[in-house]
Each structure stands twice: as structure tokens, then as C-alpha cells.
Amino acid sequence: MKASVAIQTLPAAESDQELVRIVDEVIAYIKSTGLHCSVGPFETTIEGEDYDQLMDIVKECQHVAIRAGAGKVSAYIKVVYQPEGDLLTIDKKVTKHH
């Protein structure tokens, strides 16, 4: 694994129920990419070999939220990129806690 991205998508929504619906669509999109991901209460983490692919997914998350009905969307993103060698994986970081 060469890169890991954590993304928190915060759509503008009229209610908590609507916010959750839109975020669920974003999470469904992330899962549809086929990359290993982990959904948490504040963010979803994705990992992969192709940094550009991960950045494209981050960008598309905003489009998914807008198409789902958000008038605007904010995103908070954490990125770790290491082109040589391997990063700590999601599983290595959190498996002991589950």
C-alpha cells in the first residue's frame, strides 16, 4: 500500500436524517470502488496503491453529495503518501481494537 486517505464529508442538509442519507450515498460510492476502506463515526478511510486514484475518489465524493441533494458540501481530508515501501494498513492500525 502506497497511500491512505481519510475523508469526512459534511453536506449541508435540512435535517440529521437527510444528512445521514447523503453521507450514506457517499459511503456507498467509496465502497463501490473496490478499495479497502473502513467506515468510522467521523470519517471513512481508504487505502490503495495509486495515489491519483485515491485523489479522484476524494473529488468524486463531493460530486456524489451534491447529486444526492446537498446544496453545498465541506470535506476534511487526511492523506498519507509514501511512494516507496509500505505504509501501516488500516488493519494493522485498528484490528486489535475490534
Protein backbone atom coordinates (compact mmCIF):
# COMPACT_ATOMS: atom_id res chain seq x y z
CA MET A 1 0.00 0.00 0.00
CA LYS A 2 1.35 3.40 -1.01
CA ALA A 3 -1.36 5.81 0.19
CA SER A 4 -4.10 6.18 2.75
CA VAL A 5 -6.83 8.81 2.76
CA ALA A 6 -9.37 9.64 5.45
CA ILE A 7 -12.32 11.73 4.31
CA GLN A 8 -15.10 13.30 6.32
CA THR A 9 -17.88 14.59 4.09
CA LEU A 10 -20.22 17.13 5.65
CA PRO A 11 -23.13 18.01 3.37
CA ALA A 12 -25.46 20.91 4.10
CA ALA A 13 -28.80 19.28 4.88
CA GLU A 14 -32.16 20.29 6.29
CA SER A 15 -32.20 17.54 8.92
CA ASP A 16 -29.99 14.93 10.53
CA GLN A 17 -31.92 12.25 8.66
CA GLU A 18 -31.17 13.95 5.34
CA LEU A 19 -27.50 14.42 6.27
CA VAL A 20 -27.17 10.71 7.08
CA ARG A 21 -28.89 9.77 3.80
CA ILE A 22 -26.44 11.86 1.77
CA VAL A 23 -23.39 10.59 3.68
CA ASP A 24 -24.64 7.03 3.18
CA GLU A 25 -24.60 7.65 -0.58
CA VAL A 26 -21.03 8.90 -0.37
CA ILE A 27 -20.01 5.83 1.63
CA ALA A 28 -21.76 3.55 -0.88
CA TYR A 29 -19.75 5.23 -3.64
CA ILE A 30 -16.49 4.71 -1.74
CA LYS A 31 -17.31 1.05 -1.18
CA SER A 32 -18.17 0.65 -4.87
CA THR A 33 -14.56 1.50 -5.81
CA GLY A 34 -13.46 -1.91 -4.56
CA LEU A 35 -10.63 -0.46 -2.49
CA HIS A 36 -10.15 -1.48 1.12
CA CYS A 37 -11.94 1.01 3.36
CA SER A 38 -13.02 1.42 6.95
CA VAL A 39 -16.08 3.42 7.97
CA GLY A 40 -15.91 5.20 11.31
CA PRO A 41 -18.26 7.58 13.10
CA PHE A 42 -16.49 10.68 11.79
CA GLU A 43 -14.66 9.63 8.62
CA THR A 44 -14.07 6.88 6.12
CA THR A 45 -10.53 5.70 5.45
CA ILE A 46 -9.49 4.32 2.07
CA GLU A 47 -6.15 2.78 1.15
CA GLY A 48 -4.55 1.80 -2.11
CA GLU A 49 -1.53 1.65 -4.37
CA ASP A 50 -2.48 4.51 -6.70
CA TYR A 51 -2.33 7.99 -5.13
CA ASP A 52 -4.07 9.61 -8.10
CA GLN A 53 -6.93 7.12 -7.90
CA LEU A 54 -7.45 7.99 -4.23
CA MET A 55 -7.47 11.72 -5.02
CA ASP A 56 -10.03 11.12 -7.78
CA ILE A 57 -12.22 9.29 -5.25
CA VAL A 58 -11.93 12.20 -2.81
CA LYS A 59 -13.01 14.60 -5.57
CA GLU A 60 -15.90 12.40 -6.64
CA CYS A 61 -17.21 12.22 -3.06
CA GLN A 62 -18.08 15.92 -3.32
CA HIS A 63 -19.94 15.35 -6.60
CA VAL A 64 -21.85 12.40 -5.12
CA ALA A 65 -23.01 14.53 -2.18
CA ILE A 66 -24.18 17.34 -4.48
CA ARG A 67 -26.01 14.90 -6.79
CA ALA A 68 -27.65 13.41 -3.69
CA GLY A 69 -29.18 16.78 -2.86
CA ALA A 70 -26.66 18.73 -0.78
CA GLY A 71 -26.64 22.42 -1.63
CA LYS A 72 -23.02 22.58 -0.52
CA VAL A 73 -20.54 20.19 0.97
CA SER A 74 -17.47 20.54 3.15
CA ALA A 75 -14.78 17.89 3.36
CA TYR A 76 -11.98 17.28 5.80
CA ILE A 77 -9.22 15.12 4.39
CA LYS A 78 -6.12 13.45 5.79
CA VAL A 79 -3.58 11.98 3.38
CA VAL A 80 -0.54 9.81 3.91
CA TYR A 81 1.54 9.08 0.81
CA GLN A 82 4.71 7.03 0.66
CA PRO A 83 5.75 6.11 -2.88
CA GLU A 84 8.49 3.72 -1.72
CA GLY A 85 7.94 0.98 0.84
CA ASP A 86 4.70 0.22 2.62
CA LEU A 87 2.52 2.24 4.97
CA LEU A 88 0.79 0.88 8.01
CA THR A 89 -2.51 -0.57 6.82
CA ILE A 90 -5.93 0.07 8.30
CA ASP A 91 -5.97 -3.49 9.61
CA LYS A 92 -2.61 -3.17 11.34
CA LYS A 93 -3.72 0.05 12.99
CA VAL A 94 -7.14 -0.97 14.33
CA THR A 95 -7.67 -4.76 14.30
CA LYS A 96 -6.54 -5.08 17.92
CA HIS A 97 -9.36 -2.70 18.91
CA HIS A 98 -12.17 -4.69 17.30
